[in-house]
Protein backbone atom coordinates (compact mmCIF):
# COMPACT_ATOMS: atom_id res chain seq x y z
CA ASP A 1 3.93 -32.98 105.03
CA THR A 2 7.40 -31.47 105.12
CA GLY A 3 6.42 -28.72 107.53
CA GLU A 4 7.86 -26.01 105.28
CA SER A 5 6.43 -22.51 105.54
CA VAL A 6 6.07 -19.99 102.77
CA TYR A 7 5.68 -16.30 103.51
CA ILE A 8 4.39 -13.90 100.87
CA GLN A 9 4.39 -10.14 101.30
CA VAL A 10 2.30 -8.06 98.93
CA THR A 11 2.66 -4.29 98.83
CA THR A 12 0.37 -1.99 96.93
CA VAL A 13 -0.16 1.76 96.63
CA SER A 14 -3.87 1.31 96.03
CA ASN A 15 -6.45 1.93 98.73
CA GLU A 16 -8.67 -0.76 97.20
CA VAL A 17 -9.06 -4.14 98.82
CA LEU A 18 -6.74 -6.70 97.28
CA GLY A 19 -7.88 -10.29 97.02
CA VAL A 20 -5.28 -13.03 96.74
CA LEU A 21 -5.92 -16.69 96.02
CA LEU A 22 -3.21 -19.25 96.56
CA GLU A 23 -3.71 -22.83 95.53
CA VAL A 24 -1.48 -25.77 96.28
CA VAL A 25 -1.50 -28.11 93.30
CA GLN A 26 -0.50 -31.73 93.55
CA MET A 27 1.64 -32.59 90.53
CA GLY A 28 2.50 -36.06 89.33
CA ALA A 29 6.02 -37.51 89.44
CA PHE A 30 6.40 -36.73 85.72
CA ALA A 31 5.89 -33.00 86.44
CA ALA A 32 9.45 -32.63 87.67
CA GLU A 33 10.52 -32.97 84.03
CA ARG A 34 8.01 -30.45 82.66
CA ILE A 35 10.62 -27.96 81.38
CA PRO A 36 12.65 -30.48 79.32
CA VAL A 37 9.43 -32.09 78.04
CA ALA A 38 8.02 -28.72 76.96
CA ALA A 39 11.31 -27.67 75.36
CA THR A 40 11.59 -30.98 73.49
CA LEU A 41 8.00 -30.74 72.28
CA PHE A 42 8.61 -27.17 71.08
CA VAL A 43 11.87 -28.03 69.28
CA VAL A 44 10.42 -31.13 67.60
CA THR A 45 7.28 -29.27 66.51
CA PHE A 46 9.29 -26.32 65.23
CA ALA A 47 11.75 -28.59 63.38
CA LEU A 48 8.89 -30.44 61.67
CA ILE A 49 7.28 -27.14 60.65
CA VAL A 50 10.55 -25.78 59.23
CA SER A 51 11.50 -29.02 57.46
CA GLU A 52 8.04 -29.28 55.88
CA VAL A 53 8.19 -33.08 56.07
CA VAL A 54 4.58 -32.96 57.23
CA HIS A 55 2.20 -30.08 56.48
CA ARG A 56 2.48 -27.40 59.16
CA CYS A 57 -1.23 -27.51 59.99
CA TYR A 58 -0.96 -31.18 60.94
CA VAL A 59 2.24 -30.56 62.90
CA THR A 60 0.78 -27.68 64.91
CA PHE A 61 -2.39 -29.67 65.60
CA ALA A 62 -0.37 -32.69 66.76
CA GLY A 63 1.91 -30.43 68.84
CA SER A 64 -1.03 -28.81 70.60
CA LEU A 65 -2.58 -32.22 71.25
CA MET A 66 0.70 -33.47 72.70
CA ALA A 67 0.91 -30.36 74.91
CA LEU A 68 -2.58 -31.05 76.26
CA PHE A 69 -1.67 -34.73 76.71
CA PHE A 70 1.44 -33.86 78.73
CA LEU A 71 -0.54 -31.32 80.75
CA SER A 72 -3.07 -34.03 81.55
CA ILE A 73 -0.34 -36.42 82.65
CA MET A 74 1.54 -33.88 84.76
CA HIS A 75 -1.39 -32.14 86.40
CA GLU A 76 -4.95 -32.85 85.35
CA ALA A 77 -6.96 -32.70 82.17
CA PRO A 78 -8.06 -29.09 81.65
CA HIS A 79 -11.73 -28.27 81.17
CA MET A 80 -12.88 -27.15 77.75
CA HIS A 81 -13.35 -23.52 78.82
CA VAL A 82 -9.73 -23.48 80.04
CA VAL A 83 -8.50 -24.86 76.71
CA ILE A 84 -10.55 -22.31 74.76
CA GLY A 85 -9.18 -19.59 77.05
CA MET A 86 -5.67 -20.59 75.93
CA ILE A 87 -6.51 -19.60 72.34
CA ASP A 88 -5.66 -16.03 71.38
CA PHE A 89 -8.49 -15.24 68.98
CA GLY A 90 -7.19 -11.72 68.34
CA THR A 91 -3.95 -13.12 66.96
CA LEU A 92 -5.84 -15.68 64.88
CA MET A 93 -8.01 -12.96 63.34
CA LEU A 94 -4.96 -10.80 62.66
CA LEU A 95 -3.18 -13.66 60.88
CA PHE A 96 -6.32 -14.63 58.97
CA SER A 97 -6.90 -11.08 57.74
CA MET A 98 -3.24 -10.70 56.79
CA MET A 99 -3.43 -13.92 54.78
CA ILE A 100 -6.41 -12.50 52.91
CA VAL A 101 -4.45 -9.33 52.12
CA VAL A 102 -1.42 -11.35 50.91
CA HIS A 103 -3.63 -13.56 48.77
CA ASN A 104 -5.22 -10.52 47.14
CA LEU A 105 -1.81 -8.91 46.56
CA ALA A 106 -0.54 -12.12 44.96
CA ALA A 107 -3.66 -12.39 42.78
CA THR A 108 -3.20 -8.84 41.49
CA GLY A 109 0.48 -9.42 40.65
CA PHE A 110 1.91 -7.06 43.25
CA PHE A 111 4.83 -9.33 44.15
CA GLU A 112 5.88 -9.78 40.50
CA TRP A 113 5.65 -6.01 39.98
CA PHE A 114 7.68 -5.48 43.15
CA ALA A 115 10.40 -7.91 42.01
CA VAL A 116 10.65 -6.20 38.61
CA ARG A 117 10.94 -2.77 40.27
CA VAL A 118 13.73 -4.04 42.54
CA ALA A 119 15.56 -5.48 39.50
CA ILE A 120 15.22 -2.17 37.64
CA ILE A 121 16.42 -0.13 40.63
CA SER A 122 19.42 -2.42 41.17
CA SER A 123 20.42 -2.20 37.48
CA GLY A 124 20.79 -5.97 37.37
CA LYS A 125 23.75 -6.01 39.79
CA PHE A 126 23.66 -9.12 41.95
CA VAL A 127 24.90 -7.54 45.20
CA ARG A 128 22.38 -4.68 44.92
CA ILE A 129 19.53 -7.10 44.17
CA PHE A 130 20.54 -9.24 47.14
CA PHE A 131 20.60 -6.35 49.61
CA LEU A 132 17.51 -4.61 48.23
CA LEU A 133 15.45 -7.81 48.29
CA SER A 134 16.67 -8.64 51.80
CA ILE A 135 15.88 -5.20 53.21
CA LEU A 136 12.59 -4.69 51.39
CA THR A 137 11.41 -8.23 52.14
CA GLY A 138 12.13 -7.60 55.81
CA VAL A 139 10.13 -4.37 55.72
CA LEU A 140 7.22 -6.01 53.89
CA SER A 141 7.29 -8.98 56.29
CA ALA A 142 6.56 -6.60 59.12
CA PHE A 143 3.19 -5.89 57.51
CA LEU A 144 2.37 -9.04 55.55
CA ASP A 145 2.08 -12.70 56.54
CA ASN A 146 3.51 -15.62 54.51
């Protein structure tokens, strides 16, 4: 016990009762290095995804397992409901539905049609094609995945 005191002041404009829960968590000695460990794990996982040395599904799975492993070492192993609570199912459904849309667009030949239209509009000039494809790809990427 170091005898240190911590004072917290909470101000609210609400007339409702405000409940506050503070919990002191004992962390392991390895927890002091949690920021560099997390940053290294993120950079390595991202580099493996970008380099495509290993399929990105395997890399993300291994990265998430390593994150849970490090969390278990630094603090304690989380319960299953906590792990499931970490998953953003709304984002997963959004990405899944966008992948379905992109697959259907690719199956109907939309991207080939789009590329031909850009080539026609640019009159075959390289600089125009480059800028049109860059700008239009950026706009389409805002709405489509992959």
